[in-house]
Amino acid sequence: MDVLELLEGAGLLAPGAAAGPDDPTVLEVWDLLAHDGWETVLTLLEEPGTNPPIPPEGWAALAAAAEQLHLAHSAAWCHWRHCEARNDLVVRAELELPPLGEGPRGTAFAGAGVMRPLWDIGDRTPDGGPNLAVAALWAEHTPTLGPGERATVRLGPLTPARWRDLRPGRRITMHEGSPVVGTATVLEVRRVFG
């Protein structure tokens, strides 16, 4: 199956009359592809305009297309969005790491969903201690994040149900083991299809 078949089969290309002003149409995509604009096509589809949210199968198709095109970062992003759609949950926060020497982290980490730290989101164990939750971290528009830096991040919870009651403005802490290595303020918690 070629890339275009994957995209059409996933229902990601709107016919001209059905497309919103910011949505790519089948004809526009064909024109881009004819001029080797594969990466542009994938980027257009990764951030849909007025079309309904892309279902998990659509994100899986986009990830497969990106992999066929050897676009590793796009493939990773589409896999991330596939998980958000499958879990029907988007969690975004503003994360700040303490400056070098003031926190336990001494090096930067990759921002593209590789790190899976623990988070104190306010849940408590029966004895009153923090019941930490695991969530992967994707730093938006930031390839790496290091001491003293801040970024808007997306969090991919291992157990999404534990995160659904968070509200914007809530402060949560990131942990690697027991020490706090970062503090985040929740910006958004929403259902993908809600």
N, C-alpha and C. Protein backbone atom coordinates (compact mmCIF):
# COMPACT_ATOMS: atom_id res chain seq x y z
N MET A 1 0.86 -1.18 0.00
CA MET A 1 0.00 0.00 0.00
C MET A 1 0.90 1.24 0.00
N ASP A 2 0.59 2.20 -0.88
CA ASP A 2 1.41 3.41 -0.91
C ASP A 2 0.88 4.45 0.07
N VAL A 3 1.63 5.53 0.24
CA VAL A 3 1.31 6.56 1.23
C VAL A 3 -0.06 7.17 0.97
N LEU A 4 -0.35 7.52 -0.29
CA LEU A 4 -1.63 8.15 -0.59
C LEU A 4 -2.80 7.23 -0.28
N GLU A 5 -2.66 5.93 -0.58
CA GLU A 5 -3.73 4.97 -0.25
C GLU A 5 -3.96 4.94 1.26
N LEU A 6 -2.85 5.01 2.05
CA LEU A 6 -2.99 5.03 3.50
C LEU A 6 -3.80 6.25 3.95
N LEU A 7 -3.47 7.40 3.38
CA LEU A 7 -4.13 8.64 3.79
C LEU A 7 -5.59 8.65 3.37
N GLU A 8 -5.88 8.23 2.12
CA GLU A 8 -7.27 8.20 1.64
C GLU A 8 -8.07 7.16 2.41
N GLY A 9 -7.47 5.99 2.65
CA GLY A 9 -8.16 4.92 3.36
C GLY A 9 -8.52 5.30 4.79
N ALA A 10 -7.73 6.15 5.37
CA ALA A 10 -8.00 6.59 6.75
C ALA A 10 -9.02 7.72 6.79
N GLY A 11 -9.49 8.17 5.63
CA GLY A 11 -10.49 9.25 5.60
C GLY A 11 -9.92 10.59 6.00
N LEU A 12 -8.62 10.82 5.73
CA LEU A 12 -7.98 12.05 6.18
C LEU A 12 -8.00 13.15 5.13
N LEU A 13 -8.45 12.85 3.93
CA LEU A 13 -8.48 13.84 2.87
C LEU A 13 -9.91 14.21 2.55
N ALA A 14 -10.23 15.50 2.69
CA ALA A 14 -11.60 15.96 2.45
C ALA A 14 -11.80 16.26 0.97
N PRO A 15 -12.98 15.87 0.41
CA PRO A 15 -13.29 16.32 -0.95
C PRO A 15 -13.37 17.85 -0.94
N GLY A 16 -13.12 18.48 -2.07
CA GLY A 16 -13.07 19.94 -2.15
C GLY A 16 -14.25 20.64 -1.51
N ALA A 17 -15.48 20.18 -1.78
CA ALA A 17 -16.68 20.85 -1.26
C ALA A 17 -16.81 20.70 0.25
N ALA A 18 -16.25 19.61 0.82
CA ALA A 18 -16.42 19.35 2.25
C ALA A 18 -15.32 19.98 3.10
N ALA A 19 -14.26 20.43 2.46
CA ALA A 19 -13.11 20.96 3.21
C ALA A 19 -13.42 22.34 3.76
N GLY A 20 -12.92 22.58 4.98
CA GLY A 20 -12.99 23.92 5.56
C GLY A 20 -11.90 24.78 4.93
N PRO A 21 -11.86 26.08 5.24
CA PRO A 21 -10.88 26.96 4.60
C PRO A 21 -9.43 26.57 4.89
N ASP A 22 -9.16 25.90 6.01
CA ASP A 22 -7.79 25.52 6.35
C ASP A 22 -7.49 24.05 6.11
N ASP A 23 -8.46 23.30 5.58
CA ASP A 23 -8.28 21.87 5.38
C ASP A 23 -7.76 21.57 3.98
N PRO A 24 -6.79 20.66 3.86
CA PRO A 24 -6.32 20.28 2.53
C PRO A 24 -7.36 19.42 1.82
N THR A 25 -7.51 19.61 0.53
CA THR A 25 -8.43 18.78 -0.26
C THR A 25 -7.61 17.71 -0.97
N VAL A 26 -8.31 16.71 -1.51
CA VAL A 26 -7.65 15.64 -2.25
C VAL A 26 -6.85 16.23 -3.41
N LEU A 27 -7.43 17.18 -4.14
CA LEU A 27 -6.74 17.78 -5.29
C LEU A 27 -5.48 18.54 -4.85
N GLU A 28 -5.57 19.27 -3.76
CA GLU A 28 -4.39 20.00 -3.26
C GLU A 28 -3.28 19.03 -2.85
N VAL A 29 -3.67 17.93 -2.21
CA VAL A 29 -2.68 16.94 -1.79
C VAL A 29 -2.04 16.29 -3.01
N TRP A 30 -2.84 15.95 -4.01
CA TRP A 30 -2.28 15.36 -5.24
C TRP A 30 -1.29 16.32 -5.88
N ASP A 31 -1.61 17.61 -5.90
CA ASP A 31 -0.70 18.60 -6.49
C ASP A 31 0.62 18.66 -5.72
N LEU A 32 0.53 18.67 -4.38
CA LEU A 32 1.75 18.67 -3.57
C LEU A 32 2.58 17.42 -3.81
N LEU A 33 1.90 16.27 -3.87
CA LEU A 33 2.62 15.02 -4.07
C LEU A 33 3.28 14.96 -5.45
N ALA A 34 2.62 15.54 -6.45
CA ALA A 34 3.19 15.58 -7.79
C ALA A 34 4.48 16.39 -7.82
N HIS A 35 4.61 17.31 -6.89
CA HIS A 35 5.82 18.14 -6.81
C HIS A 35 6.71 17.73 -5.63
N ASP A 36 6.59 16.47 -5.22
CA ASP A 36 7.40 15.89 -4.14
C ASP A 36 7.25 16.63 -2.82
N GLY A 37 6.06 17.09 -2.52
CA GLY A 37 5.80 17.77 -1.25
C GLY A 37 5.28 16.83 -0.18
N TRP A 38 5.87 15.63 -0.08
CA TRP A 38 5.40 14.61 0.86
C TRP A 38 5.41 15.10 2.31
N GLU A 39 6.49 15.72 2.69
CA GLU A 39 6.59 16.19 4.08
C GLU A 39 5.57 17.28 4.37
N THR A 40 5.31 18.15 3.39
CA THR A 40 4.30 19.20 3.54
C THR A 40 2.92 18.58 3.72
N VAL A 41 2.62 17.56 2.92
CA VAL A 41 1.32 16.88 3.03
C VAL A 41 1.16 16.30 4.42
N LEU A 42 2.18 15.62 4.89
CA LEU A 42 2.09 15.00 6.21
C LEU A 42 1.90 16.06 7.28
N THR A 43 2.62 17.17 7.19
CA THR A 43 2.49 18.25 8.17
C THR A 43 1.07 18.83 8.15
N LEU A 44 0.51 19.03 6.96
CA LEU A 44 -0.87 19.54 6.86
C LEU A 44 -1.86 18.62 7.57
N LEU A 45 -1.67 17.33 7.40
CA LEU A 45 -2.60 16.37 7.98
C LEU A 45 -2.39 16.16 9.47
N GLU A 46 -1.17 16.40 9.95
CA GLU A 46 -0.89 16.24 11.38
C GLU A 46 -1.61 17.28 12.23
N GLU A 47 -1.90 18.43 11.66
CA GLU A 47 -2.58 19.51 12.40
C GLU A 47 -3.85 19.88 11.64
N PRO A 48 -4.91 19.08 11.76
CA PRO A 48 -6.11 19.34 10.97
C PRO A 48 -6.77 20.65 11.35
N GLY A 49 -7.47 21.25 10.39
CA GLY A 49 -8.17 22.52 10.62
C GLY A 49 -9.54 22.27 11.20
N THR A 50 -10.57 22.42 10.39
CA THR A 50 -11.94 22.33 10.89
C THR A 50 -12.54 20.94 10.78
N ASN A 51 -11.80 19.99 10.19
CA ASN A 51 -12.31 18.63 10.12
C ASN A 51 -12.51 18.08 11.52
N PRO A 52 -13.35 17.04 11.66
CA PRO A 52 -13.51 16.40 12.98
C PRO A 52 -12.17 15.83 13.44
N PRO A 53 -12.02 15.56 14.74
CA PRO A 53 -10.77 15.00 15.24
C PRO A 53 -10.42 13.70 14.50
N ILE A 54 -9.16 13.49 14.30
CA ILE A 54 -8.70 12.28 13.62
C ILE A 54 -8.82 11.11 14.59
N PRO A 55 -9.45 10.00 14.17
CA PRO A 55 -9.57 8.83 15.05
C PRO A 55 -8.23 8.12 15.19
N PRO A 56 -8.13 7.22 16.17
CA PRO A 56 -6.85 6.51 16.37
C PRO A 56 -6.33 5.83 15.10
N GLU A 57 -7.24 5.21 14.31
CA GLU A 57 -6.80 4.53 13.10
C GLU A 57 -6.18 5.51 12.10
N GLY A 58 -6.70 6.74 12.07
CA GLY A 58 -6.15 7.77 11.19
C GLY A 58 -4.73 8.15 11.59
N TRP A 59 -4.52 8.31 12.91
CA TRP A 59 -3.16 8.62 13.38
C TRP A 59 -2.21 7.47 13.10
N ALA A 60 -2.71 6.23 13.23
CA ALA A 60 -1.87 5.07 12.92
C ALA A 60 -1.49 5.08 11.44
N ALA A 61 -2.43 5.46 10.57
CA ALA A 61 -2.14 5.54 9.13
C ALA A 61 -1.12 6.64 8.85
N LEU A 62 -1.27 7.80 9.51
CA LEU A 62 -0.29 8.87 9.32
C LEU A 62 1.10 8.44 9.81
N ALA A 63 1.15 7.72 10.93
CA ALA A 63 2.44 7.23 11.44
C ALA A 63 3.07 6.27 10.43
N ALA A 64 2.25 5.38 9.87
CA ALA A 64 2.77 4.43 8.87
C ALA A 64 3.29 5.18 7.64
N ALA A 65 2.55 6.21 7.22
CA ALA A 65 2.98 7.00 6.06
C ALA A 65 4.32 7.69 6.36
N ALA A 66 4.43 8.28 7.54
CA ALA A 66 5.68 8.96 7.92
C ALA A 66 6.84 7.98 7.97
N GLU A 67 6.58 6.77 8.46
CA GLU A 67 7.63 5.76 8.51
C GLU A 67 8.06 5.36 7.10
N GLN A 68 7.09 5.22 6.18
CA GLN A 68 7.42 4.88 4.80
C GLN A 68 8.27 5.98 4.16
N LEU A 69 8.05 7.22 4.58
CA LEU A 69 8.79 8.36 4.03
C LEU A 69 10.09 8.63 4.80
N HIS A 70 10.38 7.81 5.81
CA HIS A 70 11.58 7.95 6.64
C HIS A 70 11.62 9.30 7.37
N LEU A 71 10.46 9.75 7.83
CA LEU A 71 10.34 10.99 8.59
C LEU A 71 10.15 10.61 10.06
N ALA A 72 11.25 10.35 10.73
CA ALA A 72 11.22 9.79 12.09
C ALA A 72 10.47 10.68 13.08
N HIS A 73 10.72 12.00 13.06
CA HIS A 73 10.07 12.89 14.02
C HIS A 73 8.56 12.93 13.78
N SER A 74 8.15 13.03 12.51
CA SER A 74 6.72 13.02 12.19
C SER A 74 6.07 11.71 12.60
N ALA A 75 6.77 10.59 12.37
CA ALA A 75 6.22 9.29 12.78
C ALA A 75 6.03 9.24 14.29
N ALA A 76 7.03 9.72 15.04
CA ALA A 76 6.91 9.72 16.50
C ALA A 76 5.74 10.60 16.95
N TRP A 77 5.58 11.78 16.32
CA TRP A 77 4.47 12.68 16.67
C TRP A 77 3.12 12.02 16.38
N CYS A 78 3.00 11.35 15.23
CA CYS A 78 1.75 10.68 14.88
C CYS A 78 1.45 9.52 15.84
N HIS A 79 2.49 8.80 16.26
CA HIS A 79 2.29 7.76 17.27
C HIS A 79 1.81 8.37 18.58
N TRP A 80 2.38 9.53 18.94
CA TRP A 80 1.95 10.23 20.17
C TRP A 80 0.47 10.60 20.07
N ARG A 81 0.10 11.21 18.93
CA ARG A 81 -1.30 11.62 18.74
C ARG A 81 -2.24 10.41 18.67
N HIS A 82 -1.74 9.28 18.15
CA HIS A 82 -2.52 8.05 18.14
C HIS A 82 -2.88 7.65 19.58
N CYS A 83 -1.90 7.73 20.48
CA CYS A 83 -2.15 7.39 21.89
C CYS A 83 -3.15 8.37 22.52
N GLU A 84 -3.01 9.67 22.22
CA GLU A 84 -3.97 10.64 22.75
C GLU A 84 -5.38 10.32 22.27
N ALA A 85 -5.51 10.00 20.97
CA ALA A 85 -6.84 9.69 20.42
C ALA A 85 -7.37 8.38 21.00
N ARG A 86 -6.51 7.38 21.13
CA ARG A 86 -6.93 6.09 21.68
C ARG A 86 -7.39 6.25 23.14
N ASN A 87 -6.69 7.08 23.90
CA ASN A 87 -7.05 7.31 25.31
C ASN A 87 -8.11 8.39 25.48
N ASP A 88 -8.46 9.08 24.38
CA ASP A 88 -9.44 10.17 24.40
C ASP A 88 -9.07 11.22 25.45
N LEU A 89 -7.78 11.59 25.47
CA LEU A 89 -7.32 12.54 26.48
C LEU A 89 -6.08 13.31 25.99
N VAL A 90 -6.15 14.64 26.13
CA VAL A 90 -5.01 15.52 25.87
C VAL A 90 -4.72 16.26 27.17
N VAL A 91 -3.47 16.16 27.65
CA VAL A 91 -3.04 16.88 28.85
C VAL A 91 -1.84 17.73 28.44
N ARG A 92 -1.96 19.04 28.63
CA ARG A 92 -0.85 19.96 28.33
C ARG A 92 -0.53 20.76 29.58
N ALA A 93 0.75 21.08 29.75
CA ALA A 93 1.19 21.83 30.94
C ALA A 93 2.42 22.66 30.58
N GLU A 94 2.69 23.65 31.40
CA GLU A 94 3.90 24.46 31.28
C GLU A 94 4.88 23.92 32.31
N LEU A 95 5.97 23.29 31.85
CA LEU A 95 6.95 22.65 32.73
C LEU A 95 8.17 23.53 32.88
N GLU A 96 8.64 23.66 34.12
CA GLU A 96 9.86 24.42 34.40
C GLU A 96 10.81 23.54 35.20
N LEU A 97 12.06 23.47 34.72
CA LEU A 97 13.09 22.72 35.42
C LEU A 97 13.97 23.69 36.20
N PRO A 98 14.40 23.32 37.42
CA PRO A 98 15.27 24.22 38.19
C PRO A 98 16.62 24.40 37.49
N PRO A 99 17.28 25.54 37.74
CA PRO A 99 18.60 25.78 37.13
C PRO A 99 19.62 24.72 37.56
N LEU A 100 20.66 24.59 36.76
CA LEU A 100 21.74 23.66 37.04
C LEU A 100 22.28 23.91 38.46
N GLY A 101 22.41 22.86 39.23
CA GLY A 101 22.91 22.97 40.59
C GLY A 101 21.83 23.15 41.63
N GLU A 102 20.61 23.55 41.21
CA GLU A 102 19.52 23.74 42.16
C GLU A 102 18.55 22.56 42.17
N GLY A 103 18.69 21.65 41.24
CA GLY A 103 17.85 20.46 41.17
C GLY A 103 18.71 19.25 40.87
N PRO A 104 18.15 18.06 40.94
CA PRO A 104 18.95 16.85 40.73
C PRO A 104 19.36 16.61 39.28
N ARG A 105 18.64 17.19 38.32
CA ARG A 105 18.96 16.94 36.91
C ARG A 105 20.12 17.81 36.47
N GLY A 106 21.14 17.17 35.89
CA GLY A 106 22.30 17.90 35.43
C GLY A 106 22.43 17.95 33.92
N THR A 107 21.57 17.22 33.20
CA THR A 107 21.66 17.17 31.74
C THR A 107 20.29 17.38 31.13
N ALA A 108 20.30 17.68 29.84
CA ALA A 108 19.05 17.83 29.10
C ALA A 108 18.53 16.44 28.70
N PHE A 109 17.26 16.38 28.38
CA PHE A 109 16.67 15.13 27.89
C PHE A 109 15.91 15.42 26.59
N ALA A 110 15.74 14.39 25.78
CA ALA A 110 15.03 14.52 24.51
C ALA A 110 13.57 14.84 24.78
N GLY A 111 13.03 15.78 24.01
CA GLY A 111 11.66 16.22 24.25
C GLY A 111 10.60 15.49 23.47
N ALA A 112 10.97 14.50 22.64
CA ALA A 112 10.01 13.87 21.74
C ALA A 112 9.44 12.57 22.28
N GLY A 113 8.91 12.57 23.49
CA GLY A 113 8.17 11.44 24.01
C GLY A 113 8.99 10.28 24.53
N VAL A 114 10.29 10.46 24.71
CA VAL A 114 11.15 9.38 25.15
C VAL A 114 11.09 9.20 26.67
N MET A 115 11.04 10.30 27.39
CA MET A 115 11.08 10.27 28.85
C MET A 115 9.69 9.92 29.43
N ARG A 116 9.69 9.07 30.47
CA ARG A 116 8.45 8.66 31.13
C ARG A 116 8.59 8.84 32.64
N PRO A 117 8.59 10.10 33.10
CA PRO A 117 8.79 10.34 34.53
C PRO A 117 7.54 10.05 35.35
N LEU A 118 7.73 10.13 36.66
CA LEU A 118 6.63 10.04 37.63
C LEU A 118 6.11 11.44 37.89
N TRP A 119 4.82 11.54 38.22
CA TRP A 119 4.18 12.84 38.47
C TRP A 119 3.35 12.78 39.74
N ASP A 120 3.47 13.82 40.55
CA ASP A 120 2.58 13.99 41.70
C ASP A 120 1.43 14.86 41.22
N ILE A 121 0.27 14.23 40.99
CA ILE A 121 -0.90 14.96 40.49
C ILE A 121 -1.93 15.19 41.59
N GLY A 122 -1.53 14.91 42.82
CA GLY A 122 -2.41 15.17 43.96
C GLY A 122 -3.05 13.94 44.56
N ASP A 123 -2.92 12.77 43.93
CA ASP A 123 -3.47 11.54 44.50
C ASP A 123 -2.64 11.14 45.72
N ARG A 124 -3.29 10.52 46.70
CA ARG A 124 -2.61 10.11 47.92
C ARG A 124 -2.77 8.61 48.16
N THR A 125 -1.76 8.02 48.77
CA THR A 125 -1.80 6.61 49.17
C THR A 125 -2.61 6.53 50.46
N PRO A 126 -2.99 5.32 50.90
CA PRO A 126 -3.74 5.19 52.16
C PRO A 126 -3.03 5.80 53.38
N ASP A 127 -1.68 5.83 53.37
CA ASP A 127 -0.97 6.42 54.51
C ASP A 127 -0.75 7.93 54.34
N GLY A 128 -1.29 8.53 53.27
CA GLY A 128 -1.21 9.98 53.08
C GLY A 128 -0.07 10.47 52.21
N GLY A 129 0.81 9.57 51.80
CA GLY A 129 1.92 9.97 50.93
C GLY A 129 1.45 10.15 49.49
N PRO A 130 2.31 10.76 48.66
CA PRO A 130 1.92 10.95 47.26
C PRO A 130 1.85 9.63 46.51
N ASN A 131 0.78 9.46 45.74
CA ASN A 131 0.61 8.29 44.89
C ASN A 131 0.99 8.72 43.48
N LEU A 132 2.28 8.57 43.14
CA LEU A 132 2.81 9.09 41.88
C LEU A 132 2.23 8.33 40.68
N ALA A 133 2.06 9.06 39.59
CA ALA A 133 1.51 8.50 38.36
C ALA A 133 2.54 8.63 37.25
N VAL A 134 2.59 7.65 36.36
CA VAL A 134 3.53 7.67 35.24
C VAL A 134 2.88 8.34 34.04
N ALA A 135 3.63 9.23 33.38
CA ALA A 135 3.17 9.84 32.13
C ALA A 135 4.38 10.19 31.28
N ALA A 136 4.32 9.78 30.03
CA ALA A 136 5.37 10.17 29.07
C ALA A 136 5.27 11.67 28.85
N LEU A 137 6.34 12.25 28.33
CA LEU A 137 6.42 13.70 28.18
C LEU A 137 6.86 14.04 26.75
N TRP A 138 6.11 14.93 26.11
CA TRP A 138 6.47 15.45 24.79
C TRP A 138 6.56 16.96 24.91
N ALA A 139 7.75 17.52 24.70
CA ALA A 139 7.93 18.97 24.76
C ALA A 139 7.58 19.55 23.39
N GLU A 140 6.58 20.43 23.37
CA GLU A 140 6.13 21.01 22.11
C GLU A 140 7.18 21.97 21.55
N HIS A 141 7.53 21.79 20.30
CA HIS A 141 8.45 22.68 19.58
C HIS A 141 9.81 22.82 20.27
N THR A 142 10.20 21.80 21.04
CA THR A 142 11.46 21.85 21.79
C THR A 142 12.14 20.49 21.67
N PRO A 143 13.27 20.41 20.93
CA PRO A 143 13.91 19.10 20.76
C PRO A 143 14.52 18.53 22.04
N THR A 144 15.03 19.41 22.91
CA THR A 144 15.57 18.96 24.19
C THR A 144 15.18 19.96 25.27
N LEU A 145 15.17 19.49 26.50
CA LEU A 145 14.83 20.34 27.63
C LEU A 145 15.83 20.06 28.74
N GLY A 146 16.45 21.11 29.26
CA GLY A 146 17.49 20.92 30.27
C GLY A 146 17.31 21.83 31.47
N PRO A 147 18.25 21.75 32.43
CA PRO A 147 18.17 22.54 33.65
C PRO A 147 17.96 24.03 33.35
N GLY A 148 17.05 24.65 34.10
CA GLY A 148 16.77 26.07 33.98
C GLY A 148 15.86 26.43 32.81
N GLU A 149 15.39 25.43 32.06
CA GLU A 149 14.54 25.71 30.90
C GLU A 149 13.08 25.42 31.20
N ARG A 150 12.23 26.00 30.35
CA ARG A 150 10.80 25.75 30.49
C ARG A 150 10.23 25.51 29.11
N ALA A 151 9.12 24.77 29.05
CA ALA A 151 8.48 24.47 27.78
C ALA A 151 7.05 24.04 28.03
N THR A 152 6.23 24.21 27.01
CA THR A 152 4.89 23.64 27.04
C THR A 152 5.05 22.17 26.67
N VAL A 153 4.47 21.30 27.48
CA VAL A 153 4.61 19.86 27.28
C VAL A 153 3.24 19.21 27.18
N ARG A 154 3.22 18.07 26.51
CA ARG A 154 2.05 17.20 26.49
C ARG A 154 2.41 15.99 27.33
N LEU A 155 1.47 15.52 28.10
CA LEU A 155 1.71 14.37 28.98
C LEU A 155 0.84 13.21 28.52
N GLY A 156 1.46 12.06 28.39
CA GLY A 156 0.76 10.84 27.98
C GLY A 156 0.66 9.88 29.14
N PRO A 157 -0.42 9.97 29.93
CA PRO A 157 -0.56 9.15 31.13
C PRO A 157 -0.64 7.65 30.84
N LEU A 158 0.03 6.87 31.66
CA LEU A 158 -0.07 5.41 31.59
C LEU A 158 -1.48 4.97 31.98
N THR A 159 -2.07 5.68 32.96
CA THR A 159 -3.43 5.40 33.42
C THR A 159 -4.26 6.67 33.24
N PRO A 160 -4.84 6.88 32.05
CA PRO A 160 -5.54 8.14 31.76
C PRO A 160 -6.65 8.50 32.74
N ALA A 161 -7.36 7.52 33.27
CA ALA A 161 -8.48 7.82 34.18
C ALA A 161 -8.04 8.62 35.39
N ARG A 162 -6.81 8.41 35.85
CA ARG A 162 -6.31 9.15 37.02
C ARG A 162 -6.10 10.63 36.73
N TRP A 163 -6.00 11.02 35.46
CA TRP A 163 -5.66 12.38 35.07
C TRP A 163 -6.87 13.19 34.65
N ARG A 164 -8.01 12.58 34.42
CA ARG A 164 -9.17 13.27 33.83
C ARG A 164 -9.73 14.38 34.71
N ASP A 165 -9.51 14.32 36.02
CA ASP A 165 -10.07 15.34 36.92
C ASP A 165 -9.14 16.53 37.14
N LEU A 166 -7.93 16.51 36.57
CA LEU A 166 -7.05 17.68 36.69
C LEU A 166 -7.69 18.87 36.00
N ARG A 167 -7.42 20.05 36.49
CA ARG A 167 -7.98 21.28 35.91
C ARG A 167 -6.86 22.27 35.62
N PRO A 168 -7.06 23.14 34.62
CA PRO A 168 -6.07 24.17 34.34
C PRO A 168 -5.76 24.99 35.59
N GLY A 169 -4.48 25.32 35.74
CA GLY A 169 -4.02 26.08 36.90
C GLY A 169 -3.43 25.20 37.99
N ARG A 170 -3.74 23.91 37.98
CA ARG A 170 -3.23 22.98 39.00
C ARG A 170 -1.72 22.82 38.85
N ARG A 171 -0.99 22.88 39.96
CA ARG A 171 0.46 22.66 39.95
C ARG A 171 0.72 21.19 40.23
N ILE A 172 1.57 20.58 39.40
CA ILE A 172 1.97 19.19 39.58
C ILE A 172 3.50 19.14 39.53
N THR A 173 4.08 18.09 40.10
CA THR A 173 5.53 18.00 40.11
C THR A 173 6.00 16.74 39.39
N MET A 174 7.14 16.88 38.70
CA MET A 174 7.76 15.78 37.98
C MET A 174 8.88 15.20 38.84
N HIS A 175 8.94 13.86 38.86
CA HIS A 175 9.93 13.16 39.69
C HIS A 175 10.69 12.16 38.86
N GLU A 176 11.97 12.00 39.18
CA GLU A 176 12.77 10.89 38.70
C GLU A 176 13.23 10.18 39.96
N GLY A 177 12.55 9.11 40.33
CA GLY A 177 12.73 8.54 41.66
C GLY A 177 11.94 9.42 42.62
N SER A 178 12.51 9.71 43.78
CA SER A 178 11.76 10.53 44.73
C SER A 178 12.01 12.03 44.63
N PRO A 179 13.18 12.51 44.14
CA PRO A 179 13.34 13.96 44.13
C PRO A 179 12.48 14.65 43.07
N VAL A 180 12.05 15.86 43.37
CA VAL A 180 11.31 16.68 42.41
C VAL A 180 12.33 17.23 41.41
N VAL A 181 12.08 17.00 40.11
CA VAL A 181 13.01 17.50 39.09
C VAL A 181 12.37 18.57 38.22
N GLY A 182 11.10 18.86 38.45
CA GLY A 182 10.43 19.90 37.69
C GLY A 182 9.05 20.18 38.24
N THR A 183 8.56 21.38 37.97
CA THR A 183 7.23 21.79 38.40
C THR A 183 6.46 22.24 37.18
N ALA A 184 5.20 21.81 37.09
CA ALA A 184 4.39 22.15 35.92
C ALA A 184 3.05 22.73 36.36
N THR A 185 2.54 23.62 35.55
CA THR A 185 1.19 24.15 35.73
C THR A 185 0.34 23.62 34.60
N VAL A 186 -0.75 22.96 34.95
CA VAL A 186 -1.64 22.38 33.94
C VAL A 186 -2.29 23.49 33.13
N LEU A 187 -2.21 23.38 31.81
CA LEU A 187 -2.82 24.35 30.89
C LEU A 187 -4.14 23.84 30.34
N GLU A 188 -4.21 22.54 30.10
CA GLU A 188 -5.37 21.99 29.40
C GLU A 188 -5.51 20.51 29.72
N VAL A 189 -6.72 20.08 30.00
CA VAL A 189 -7.07 18.67 30.11
C VAL A 189 -8.40 18.55 29.38
N ARG A 190 -8.38 17.83 28.26
CA ARG A 190 -9.62 17.73 27.48
C ARG A 190 -9.71 16.39 26.79
N ARG A 191 -10.94 16.02 26.51
CA ARG A 191 -11.19 14.82 25.74
C ARG A 191 -10.98 15.13 24.27
N VAL A 192 -10.45 14.21 23.52
CA VAL A 192 -10.22 14.41 22.09
C VAL A 192 -11.55 14.43 21.35
N PHE A 193 -12.48 13.56 21.74
CA PHE A 193 -13.74 13.41 21.02
C PHE A 193 -14.92 13.96 21.83
N GLY A 194 -14.64 14.66 22.92
CA GLY A 194 -15.70 15.13 23.81
C GLY A 194 -16.28 16.39 23.38
